[in-house]
Amino acid sequence: MGAGAEALELATGLALEAAAEVMAVYGGAIRSRSKPDASPVTDADERAERVILAGLRARSPHAVVAEEEASRRIPAVPGEERFWLVDPLDGTREFLQRNDEFTVNVALVGRGRPLLGVIVAPALGLCFRGIVGEVAERREGEGTWQPIRSRQPPRSGLAVLASRSHLDQATRDYISRLPVARLERAGSSLKFCRLAEGLADLYPRFGRTMEWDTAAGHAILLAAGGHVTTPEGTELAYGKPGFVNGPFIASGTSKDGYAPDTTIAGSGGSA
């Protein structure tokens, strides 16, 4: 299966099935446990991941790397050219706080780059998806798919996004050097979606993230006209040892468009 319409439909269908599992748990009492890295996990994470893994392994030849499986034992980077990256519940802390800012993320990557991605925000009734170089679109509820496009930043200043639960000092320092007109805190991969649909301009992140946190949003943003780079300006890559990301800057503009100075003395990020 290639990175085309068939793969996108498969990822979309499985993400929506997983989202239904997440909402079934969200509607009742939520119990969380701690993983070895001290991050929380719930029945919703595990039920959603089972749905996605079963579907991908039955219907796609590509390897799958998923967060909850990896939390028990980090797999080796797949030797195949393409593999799936899955975060069955991105924003578990938002899920536990019941603020609705959590997502289901499914992405296909190849040769270190995102090829396609699907993000479902089940409590908000939203679904975003994209194939790099082909299409980026958004659907609300059972409505029709609508094309989305990132924007050029307005002259009045940047709309900057930051993590609701993980805003570290290095990211604060970076933001303090920007011409910020508006700063918005948000949870999960929804920040990539807001860039992709032209509602914000920049999302810097210097704290630790994993590849399954970013791959789907990265793909959708690329498809919508934006990009995600390291502070040094190279595109964020996938299939790294341990699947750990370093610092990154997500922007609504193409790499040839506007980009603020990303040099911060002494900011090595956390990996």
C-alpha atoms as a PDB file:
ATOM      1  CA  MET A   1       0.000   0.000   0.000  1.00  0.00           C
ATOM      2  CA  GLY A   2       1.428   3.351  -1.004  1.00  0.00           C
ATOM      3  CA  ALA A   3       1.137   6.751   0.598  1.00  0.00           C
ATOM      4  CA  GLY A   4      -1.996   7.638  -1.317  1.00  0.00           C
ATOM      5  CA  ALA A   5      -5.766   7.747  -1.070  1.00  0.00           C
ATOM      6  CA  GLU A   6      -6.131   4.096  -0.038  1.00  0.00           C
ATOM      7  CA  ALA A   7      -3.664   4.448   2.835  1.00  0.00           C
ATOM      8  CA  LEU A   8      -5.304   7.709   3.921  1.00  0.00           C
ATOM      9  CA  GLU A   9      -8.749   6.111   4.003  1.00  0.00           C
ATOM     10  CA  LEU A  10      -7.400   3.191   6.025  1.00  0.00           C
ATOM     11  CA  ALA A  11      -5.780   5.530   8.552  1.00  0.00           C
ATOM     12  CA  THR A  12      -8.894   7.701   8.735  1.00  0.00           C
ATOM     13  CA  GLY A  13     -11.226   4.789   9.345  1.00  0.00           C
ATOM     14  CA  LEU A  14      -9.040   3.302  12.062  1.00  0.00           C
ATOM     15  CA  ALA A  15      -8.499   6.669  13.765  1.00  0.00           C
ATOM     16  CA  LEU A  16     -12.265   7.200  13.891  1.00  0.00           C
ATOM     17  CA  GLU A  17     -12.824   3.704  15.296  1.00  0.00           C
ATOM     18  CA  ALA A  18     -10.185   4.368  17.931  1.00  0.00           C
ATOM     19  CA  ALA A  19     -11.792   7.725  18.715  1.00  0.00           C
ATOM     20  CA  ALA A  20     -15.059   5.928  19.508  1.00  0.00           C
ATOM     21  CA  GLU A  21     -13.182   3.739  21.995  1.00  0.00           C
ATOM     22  CA  VAL A  22     -11.647   6.839  23.581  1.00  0.00           C
ATOM     23  CA  MET A  23     -15.042   8.491  23.969  1.00  0.00           C
ATOM     24  CA  ALA A  24     -16.538   5.363  25.516  1.00  0.00           C
ATOM     25  CA  VAL A  25     -14.011   5.690  28.330  1.00  0.00           C
ATOM     26  CA  TYR A  26     -14.343   9.488  28.464  1.00  0.00           C
ATOM     27  CA  GLY A  27     -18.039   9.139  29.193  1.00  0.00           C
ATOM     28  CA  GLY A  28     -17.461   7.217  32.431  1.00  0.00           C
ATOM     29  CA  ALA A  29     -15.082   7.071  35.355  1.00  0.00           C
ATOM     30  CA  ILE A  30     -11.485   7.515  34.170  1.00  0.00           C
ATOM     31  CA  ARG A  31      -8.692   5.695  35.960  1.00  0.00           C
ATOM     32  CA  SER A  32      -5.055   6.363  35.159  1.00  0.00           C
ATOM     33  CA  ARG A  33      -1.849   4.480  35.855  1.00  0.00           C
ATOM     34  CA  SER A  34       1.777   5.539  35.565  1.00  0.00           C
ATOM     35  CA  LYS A  35       4.091   4.164  32.891  1.00  0.00           C
ATOM     36  CA  PRO A  36       7.802   3.593  33.557  1.00  0.00           C
ATOM     37  CA  ASP A  37       8.559   7.170  32.430  1.00  0.00           C
ATOM     38  CA  ALA A  38       5.967   8.453  34.965  1.00  0.00           C
ATOM     39  CA  SER A  39       3.566   9.630  32.246  1.00  0.00           C
ATOM     40  CA  PRO A  40      -0.091   8.640  32.652  1.00  0.00           C
ATOM     41  CA  VAL A  41      -1.915   5.935  30.706  1.00  0.00           C
ATOM     42  CA  THR A  42      -5.600   5.034  30.744  1.00  0.00           C
ATOM     43  CA  ASP A  43      -7.867   2.319  29.390  1.00  0.00           C
ATOM     44  CA  ALA A  44      -8.659   4.710  26.545  1.00  0.00           C
ATOM     45  CA  ASP A  45      -5.013   4.741  25.361  1.00  0.00           C
ATOM     46  CA  GLU A  46      -4.880   0.950  25.357  1.00  0.00           C
ATOM     47  CA  ARG A  47      -8.291   0.299  23.794  1.00  0.00           C
ATOM     48  CA  ALA A  48      -7.652   2.817  21.015  1.00  0.00           C
ATOM     49  CA  GLU A  49      -4.213   1.387  20.281  1.00  0.00           C
ATOM     50  CA  ARG A  50      -5.570  -2.170  20.015  1.00  0.00           C
ATOM     51  CA  VAL A  51      -8.053  -1.051  17.350  1.00  0.00           C
ATOM     52  CA  ILE A  52      -5.439   0.748  15.278  1.00  0.00           C
ATOM     53  CA  LEU A  53      -2.779  -1.954  15.561  1.00  0.00           C
ATOM     54  CA  ALA A  54      -5.199  -4.718  14.586  1.00  0.00           C
ATOM     55  CA  GLY A  55      -6.387  -2.790  11.544  1.00  0.00           C
ATOM     56  CA  LEU A  56      -2.983  -1.719  10.290  1.00  0.00           C
ATOM     57  CA  ARG A  57      -1.398  -5.135  10.781  1.00  0.00           C
ATOM     58  CA  ALA A  58      -4.264  -6.845   8.984  1.00  0.00           C
ATOM     59  CA  ARG A  59      -4.463  -4.456   6.041  1.00  0.00           C
ATOM     60  CA  SER A  60      -1.039  -2.856   5.525  1.00  0.00           C
ATOM     61  CA  PRO A  61       2.363  -4.461   4.863  1.00  0.00           C
ATOM     62  CA  HIS A  62       4.240  -1.750   6.741  1.00  0.00           C
ATOM     63  CA  ALA A  63       5.609  -2.037  10.266  1.00  0.00           C
ATOM     64  CA  VAL A  64       3.841  -0.146  13.041  1.00  0.00           C
ATOM     65  CA  VAL A  65       5.403   1.737  15.951  1.00  0.00           C
ATOM     66  CA  ALA A  66       2.812   2.697  18.576  1.00  0.00           C
ATOM     67  CA  GLU A  67       3.208   4.559  21.846  1.00  0.00           C
ATOM     68  CA  GLU A  68       1.833   2.047  24.336  1.00  0.00           C
ATOM     69  CA  GLU A  69       3.655  -0.931  22.830  1.00  0.00           C
ATOM     70  CA  ALA A  70       6.825   1.147  22.788  1.00  0.00           C
ATOM     71  CA  SER A  71       6.368   2.127  26.444  1.00  0.00           C
ATOM     72  CA  ARG A  72       6.862  -1.524  27.347  1.00  0.00           C
ATOM     73  CA  ARG A  73       9.820  -2.031  25.007  1.00  0.00           C
ATOM     74  CA  ILE A  74      11.171   0.529  22.544  1.00  0.00           C
ATOM     75  CA  PRO A  75      11.367  -1.246  19.200  1.00  0.00           C
ATOM     76  CA  ALA A  76      14.211  -0.980  16.772  1.00  0.00           C
ATOM     77  CA  VAL A  77      13.699   1.436  13.905  1.00  0.00           C
ATOM     78  CA  PRO A  78      11.945  -0.577  11.183  1.00  0.00           C
ATOM     79  CA  GLY A  79      14.208  -1.552   8.331  1.00  0.00           C
ATOM     80  CA  GLU A  80      11.434  -0.926   5.791  1.00  0.00           C
ATOM     81  CA  GLU A  81      11.362   2.274   3.782  1.00  0.00           C
ATOM     82  CA  ARG A  82       7.918   3.097   5.237  1.00  0.00           C
ATOM     83  CA  PHE A  83       6.324   2.544   8.623  1.00  0.00           C
ATOM     84  CA  TRP A  84       3.357   3.761  10.643  1.00  0.00           C
ATOM     85  CA  LEU A  85       3.607   5.899  13.767  1.00  0.00           C
ATOM     86  CA  VAL A  86       0.621   5.791  16.115  1.00  0.00           C
ATOM     87  CA  ASP A  87      -0.326   7.809  19.172  1.00  0.00           C
ATOM     88  CA  PRO A  88      -3.684   6.364  20.242  1.00  0.00           C
ATOM     89  CA  LEU A  89      -4.391   9.172  22.725  1.00  0.00           C
ATOM     90  CA  ASP A  90      -2.273  12.290  22.402  1.00  0.00           C
ATOM     91  CA  GLY A  91      -2.914  14.607  25.320  1.00  0.00           C
ATOM     92  CA  THR A  92      -3.647  12.062  28.032  1.00  0.00           C
ATOM     93  CA  ARG A  93      -3.326  14.818  30.641  1.00  0.00           C
ATOM     94  CA  GLU A  94      -5.977  16.831  28.787  1.00  0.00           C
ATOM     95  CA  PHE A  95      -8.131  13.710  28.673  1.00  0.00           C
ATOM     96  CA  LEU A  96      -7.785  13.284  32.444  1.00  0.00           C
ATOM     97  CA  GLN A  97      -8.626  16.949  33.000  1.00  0.00           C
ATOM     98  CA  ARG A  98     -11.657  16.571  30.689  1.00  0.00           C
ATOM     99  CA  ASN A  99     -10.857  19.721  28.719  1.00  0.00           C
ATOM    100  CA  ASP A 100     -11.544  17.993  25.340  1.00  0.00           C
ATOM    101  CA  GLU A 101      -8.109  18.842  23.854  1.00  0.00           C
ATOM    102  CA  PHE A 102      -6.967  15.308  23.099  1.00  0.00           C
ATOM    103  CA  THR A 103      -6.493  13.519  19.797  1.00  0.00           C
ATOM    104  CA  VAL A 104      -5.917  10.214  18.042  1.00  0.00           C
ATOM    105  CA  ASN A 105      -2.891  10.385  15.712  1.00  0.00           C
ATOM    106  CA  VAL A 106      -1.987   8.039  12.853  1.00  0.00           C
ATOM    107  CA  ALA A 107       0.851   8.770  10.409  1.00  0.00           C
ATOM    108  CA  LEU A 108       2.784   7.021   7.669  1.00  0.00           C
ATOM    109  CA  VAL A 109       6.435   8.011   7.258  1.00  0.00           C
ATOM    110  CA  GLY A 110       9.005   7.067   4.653  1.00  0.00           C
ATOM    111  CA  ARG A 111      12.730   7.715   4.299  1.00  0.00           C
ATOM    112  CA  GLY A 112      12.602   9.845   7.417  1.00  0.00           C
ATOM    113  CA  ARG A 113       9.776  12.110   6.232  1.00  0.00           C
ATOM    114  CA  PRO A 114       6.050  12.184   6.981  1.00  0.00           C
ATOM    115  CA  LEU A 115       3.946  11.075   4.022  1.00  0.00           C
ATOM    116  CA  LEU A 116       0.410  11.277   5.365  1.00  0.00           C
ATOM    117  CA  GLY A 117      -1.353  11.892   8.638  1.00  0.00           C
ATOM    118  CA  VAL A 118      -4.757  11.745  10.312  1.00  0.00           C
ATOM    119  CA  ILE A 119      -5.719  13.508  13.537  1.00  0.00           C
ATOM    120  CA  VAL A 120      -9.113  13.026  15.181  1.00  0.00           C
ATOM    121  CA  ALA A 121     -10.224  15.227  18.082  1.00  0.00           C
ATOM    122  CA  PRO A 122     -13.226  13.155  19.174  1.00  0.00           C
ATOM    123  CA  ALA A 123     -14.565  15.370  21.966  1.00  0.00           C
ATOM    124  CA  LEU A 124     -14.533  18.347  19.564  1.00  0.00           C
ATOM    125  CA  GLY A 125     -16.018  16.410  16.649  1.00  0.00           C
ATOM    126  CA  LEU A 126     -13.114  17.295  14.370  1.00  0.00           C
ATOM    127  CA  CYS A 127     -10.957  15.309  11.961  1.00  0.00           C
ATOM    128  CA  PHE A 128      -7.925  16.592  10.059  1.00  0.00           C
ATOM    129  CA  ARG A 129      -5.952  14.688   7.448  1.00  0.00           C
ATOM    130  CA  GLY A 130      -3.457  15.192   4.679  1.00  0.00           C
ATOM    131  CA  ILE A 131      -1.223  13.608   2.069  1.00  0.00           C
ATOM    132  CA  VAL A 132       1.977  15.591   1.558  1.00  0.00           C
ATOM    133  CA  GLY A 133       1.994  17.171  -1.883  1.00  0.00           C
ATOM    134  CA  GLU A 134      -1.633  16.271  -2.560  1.00  0.00           C
ATOM    135  CA  VAL A 135      -4.348  17.284  -0.112  1.00  0.00           C
ATOM    136  CA  ALA A 136      -4.990  18.761   3.331  1.00  0.00           C
ATOM    137  CA  GLU A 137      -8.539  18.825   4.654  1.00  0.00           C
ATOM    138  CA  ARG A 138     -10.775  19.122   7.684  1.00  0.00           C
ATOM    139  CA  ARG A 139     -14.158  17.695   8.586  1.00  0.00           C
ATOM    140  CA  GLU A 140     -16.527  18.632  11.384  1.00  0.00           C
ATOM    141  CA  GLY A 141     -18.851  15.902  12.631  1.00  0.00           C
ATOM    142  CA  GLU A 142     -20.424  14.018   9.733  1.00  0.00           C
ATOM    143  CA  GLY A 143     -20.027  16.964   7.372  1.00  0.00           C
ATOM    144  CA  THR A 144     -18.093  17.131   4.129  1.00  0.00           C
ATOM    145  CA  TRP A 145     -14.327  17.427   3.876  1.00  0.00           C
ATOM    146  CA  GLN A 146     -13.155  21.005   3.425  1.00  0.00           C
ATOM    147  CA  PRO A 147      -9.688  21.970   2.112  1.00  0.00           C
ATOM    148  CA  ILE A 148      -7.390  23.780   4.544  1.00  0.00           C
ATOM    149  CA  ARG A 149      -4.344  25.950   3.979  1.00  0.00           C
ATOM    150  CA  SER A 150      -1.836  27.534   6.319  1.00  0.00           C
ATOM    151  CA  ARG A 151      -1.275  31.278   6.150  1.00  0.00           C
ATOM    152  CA  GLN A 152       1.408  33.899   5.847  1.00  0.00           C
ATOM    153  CA  PRO A 153       1.803  35.715   9.185  1.00  0.00           C
ATOM    154  CA  PRO A 154       0.055  39.103   9.422  1.00  0.00           C
ATOM    155  CA  ARG A 155       2.099  42.283   9.729  1.00  0.00           C
ATOM    156  CA  SER A 156       0.475  42.928  13.096  1.00  0.00           C
ATOM    157  CA  GLY A 157       2.485  40.078  14.660  1.00  0.00           C
ATOM    158  CA  LEU A 158       2.486  36.326  15.159  1.00  0.00           C
ATOM    159  CA  ALA A 159      -0.180  34.111  16.654  1.00  0.00           C
ATOM    160  CA  VAL A 160       2.009  31.682  18.612  1.00  0.00           C
ATOM    161  CA  LEU A 161       0.934  28.350  20.077  1.00  0.00           C
ATOM    162  CA  ALA A 162       2.449  26.675  23.131  1.00  0.00           C
ATOM    163  CA  SER A 163       1.792  23.456  24.996  1.00  0.00           C
ATOM    164  CA  ARG A 164      -0.854  23.655  27.698  1.00  0.00           C
ATOM    165  CA  SER A 165       0.844  21.023  29.886  1.00  0.00           C
ATOM    166  CA  HIS A 166       4.529  21.127  28.863  1.00  0.00           C
ATOM    167  CA  LEU A 167       5.668  24.728  28.429  1.00  0.00           C
ATOM    168  CA  ASP A 168       9.334  24.732  29.481  1.00  0.00           C
ATOM    169  CA  GLN A 169      11.714  27.635  30.046  1.00  0.00           C
ATOM    170  CA  ALA A 170      13.620  27.194  26.786  1.00  0.00           C
ATOM    171  CA  THR A 171      10.376  27.538  24.846  1.00  0.00           C
ATOM    172  CA  ARG A 172       9.383  30.593  26.918  1.00  0.00           C
ATOM    173  CA  ASP A 173      12.761  32.160  26.129  1.00  0.00           C
ATOM    174  CA  TYR A 174      12.281  31.537  22.423  1.00  0.00           C
ATOM    175  CA  ILE A 175       8.779  33.016  22.407  1.00  0.00           C
ATOM    176  CA  SER A 176       9.991  36.105  24.295  1.00  0.00           C
ATOM    177  CA  ARG A 177      12.184  37.012  21.314  1.00  0.00           C
ATOM    178  CA  LEU A 178       9.352  36.897  18.761  1.00  0.00           C
ATOM    179  CA  PRO A 179       6.969  39.641  17.545  1.00  0.00           C
ATOM    180  CA  VAL A 180       3.996  38.015  19.280  1.00  0.00           C
ATOM    181  CA  ALA A 181       0.533  39.494  18.805  1.00  0.00           C
ATOM    182  CA  ARG A 182      -1.230  36.578  20.536  1.00  0.00           C
ATOM    183  CA  LEU A 183      -0.057  33.596  22.596  1.00  0.00           C
ATOM    184  CA  GLU A 184      -2.403  30.629  22.909  1.00  0.00           C
ATOM    185  CA  ARG A 185      -1.952  27.519  25.061  1.00  0.00           C
ATOM    186  CA  ALA A 186      -3.417  24.306  23.679  1.00  0.00           C
ATOM    187  CA  GLY A 187      -3.112  20.579  24.255  1.00  0.00           C
ATOM    188  CA  SER A 188      -2.088  17.659  22.040  1.00  0.00           C
ATOM    189  CA  SER A 189      -1.466  17.713  18.283  1.00  0.00           C
ATOM    190  CA  LEU A 190      -4.292  20.225  17.819  1.00  0.00           C
ATOM    191  CA  LYS A 191      -1.571  22.882  17.665  1.00  0.00           C
ATOM    192  CA  PHE A 192      -0.371  21.497  14.311  1.00  0.00           C
ATOM    193  CA  CYS A 193      -3.968  21.526  13.078  1.00  0.00           C
ATOM    194  CA  ARG A 194      -4.455  25.169  14.014  1.00  0.00           C
ATOM    195  CA  LEU A 195      -1.374  26.042  11.990  1.00  0.00           C
ATOM    196  CA  ALA A 196      -2.579  23.922   9.070  1.00  0.00           C
ATOM    197  CA  GLU A 197      -5.980  25.610   8.905  1.00  0.00           C
ATOM    198  CA  GLY A 198      -4.488  29.091   9.070  1.00  0.00           C
ATOM    199  CA  LEU A 199      -5.570  30.038  12.593  1.00  0.00           C
ATOM    200  CA  ALA A 200      -2.051  30.525  13.968  1.00  0.00           C
ATOM    201  CA  ASP A 201       1.491  31.052  12.719  1.00  0.00           C
ATOM    202  CA  LEU A 202       4.095  29.341  14.886  1.00  0.00           C
ATOM    203  CA  TYR A 203       4.428  26.481  17.373  1.00  0.00           C
ATOM    204  CA  PRO A 204       7.894  26.214  18.957  1.00  0.00           C
ATOM    205  CA  ARG A 205       8.675  23.222  21.166  1.00  0.00           C
ATOM    206  CA  PHE A 206      11.971  22.758  23.017  1.00  0.00           C
ATOM    207  CA  GLY A 207      10.798  20.173  25.541  1.00  0.00           C
ATOM    208  CA  ARG A 208      10.866  16.441  24.961  1.00  0.00           C
ATOM    209  CA  THR A 209       8.461  14.862  22.473  1.00  0.00           C
ATOM    210  CA  MET A 210       8.332  11.516  20.703  1.00  0.00           C
ATOM    211  CA  GLU A 211       7.931  10.872  17.005  1.00  0.00           C
ATOM    212  CA  TRP A 212       4.396   9.519  17.398  1.00  0.00           C
ATOM    213  CA  ASP A 213       3.458  12.850  19.023  1.00  0.00           C
ATOM    214  CA  THR A 214       4.389  14.866  15.945  1.00  0.00           C
ATOM    215  CA  ALA A 215       4.306  12.738  12.765  1.00  0.00           C
ATOM    216  CA  ALA A 216       0.596  13.068  11.929  1.00  0.00           C
ATOM    217  CA  GLY A 217       0.519  16.793  12.633  1.00  0.00           C
ATOM    218  CA  HIS A 218       3.754  17.288  10.700  1.00  0.00           C
ATOM    219  CA  ALA A 219       2.265  15.519   7.664  1.00  0.00           C
ATOM    220  CA  ILE A 220      -0.950  17.562   7.759  1.00  0.00           C
ATOM    221  CA  LEU A 221       0.958  20.816   8.169  1.00  0.00           C
ATOM    222  CA  LEU A 222       3.286  19.992   5.262  1.00  0.00           C
ATOM    223  CA  ALA A 223       0.264  19.130   3.122  1.00  0.00           C
ATOM    224  CA  ALA A 224      -1.320  22.478   4.048  1.00  0.00           C
ATOM    225  CA  GLY A 225       1.761  24.502   3.101  1.00  0.00           C
ATOM    226  CA  GLY A 226       3.744  24.738   6.334  1.00  0.00           C
ATOM    227  CA  HIS A 227       6.807  22.980   7.683  1.00  0.00           C
ATOM    228  CA  VAL A 228       8.499  21.690  10.836  1.00  0.00           C
ATOM    229  CA  THR A 229      12.231  22.167  11.316  1.00  0.00           C
ATOM    230  CA  THR A 230      14.884  21.847  13.946  1.00  0.00           C
ATOM    231  CA  PRO A 231      16.185  25.162  15.377  1.00  0.00           C
ATOM    232  CA  GLU A 232      19.062  24.796  12.896  1.00  0.00           C
ATOM    233  CA  GLY A 233      16.594  24.838   9.986  1.00  0.00           C
ATOM    234  CA  THR A 234      16.612  21.208   8.829  1.00  0.00           C
ATOM    235  CA  GLU A 235      13.299  19.380   8.440  1.00  0.00           C
ATOM    236  CA  LEU A 236      12.347  17.303  11.480  1.00  0.00           C
ATOM    237  CA  ALA A 237      13.158  13.676  10.615  1.00  0.00           C
ATOM    238  CA  TYR A 238      11.679  10.320  11.664  1.00  0.00           C
ATOM    239  CA  GLY A 239      13.125   6.924  12.428  1.00  0.00           C
ATOM    240  CA  LYS A 240      15.639   8.313  14.921  1.00  0.00           C
ATOM    241  CA  PRO A 241      17.107   6.058  17.636  1.00  0.00           C
ATOM    242  CA  GLY A 242      14.533   5.658  20.396  1.00  0.00           C
ATOM    243  CA  PHE A 243      12.034   7.710  18.340  1.00  0.00           C
ATOM    244  CA  VAL A 244      12.896  10.795  20.433  1.00  0.00           C
ATOM    245  CA  ASN A 245      12.527  14.266  18.920  1.00  0.00           C
ATOM    246  CA  GLY A 246      14.782  17.168  19.689  1.00  0.00           C
ATOM    247  CA  PRO A 247      13.558  20.775  19.699  1.00  0.00           C
ATOM    248  CA  PHE A 248      11.481  21.863  16.716  1.00  0.00           C
ATOM    249  CA  ILE A 249       9.736  24.910  15.236  1.00  0.00           C
ATOM    250  CA  ALA A 250       6.426  24.297  13.437  1.00  0.00           C
ATOM    251  CA  SER A 251       5.437  27.111  11.094  1.00  0.00           C
ATOM    252  CA  GLY A 252       2.486  27.835   8.858  1.00  0.00           C
ATOM    253  CA  THR A 253       4.787  29.078   6.098  1.00  0.00           C
ATOM    254  CA  SER A 254       6.809  27.065   3.631  1.00  0.00           C
ATOM    255  CA  LYS A 255      10.554  26.821   4.216  1.00  0.00           C
ATOM    256  CA  ASP A 256      11.004  29.488   1.539  1.00  0.00           C
ATOM    257  CA  GLY A 257       8.613  31.847   3.296  1.00  0.00           C
ATOM    258  CA  TYR A 258       8.854  33.900   6.483  1.00  0.00           C
ATOM    259  CA  ALA A 259      10.826  32.362   9.317  1.00  0.00           C
ATOM    260  CA  PRO A 260      11.901  34.156  12.488  1.00  0.00           C
ATOM    261  CA  ASP A 261      15.399  33.857  13.890  1.00  0.00           C
ATOM    262  CA  THR A 262      15.565  30.485  15.636  1.00  0.00           C
ATOM    263  CA  THR A 263      18.977  30.801  17.216  1.00  0.00           C
ATOM    264  CA  ILE A 264      18.914  30.580  21.010  1.00  0.00           C
ATOM    265  CA  ALA A 265      22.199  30.543  22.829  1.00  0.00           C
ATOM    266  CA  GLY A 266      22.494  27.559  25.099  1.00  0.00           C
ATOM    267  CA  SER A 267      19.194  25.894  24.147  1.00  0.00           C
ATOM    268  CA  GLY A 268      19.983  22.272  23.602  1.00  0.00           C
ATOM    269  CA  GLY A 269      16.411  21.136  24.220  1.00  0.00           C
ATOM    270  CA  SER A 270      15.639  17.979  26.124  1.00  0.00           C
ATOM    271  CA  ALA A 271      15.839  14.595  24.526  1.00  0.00           C
END
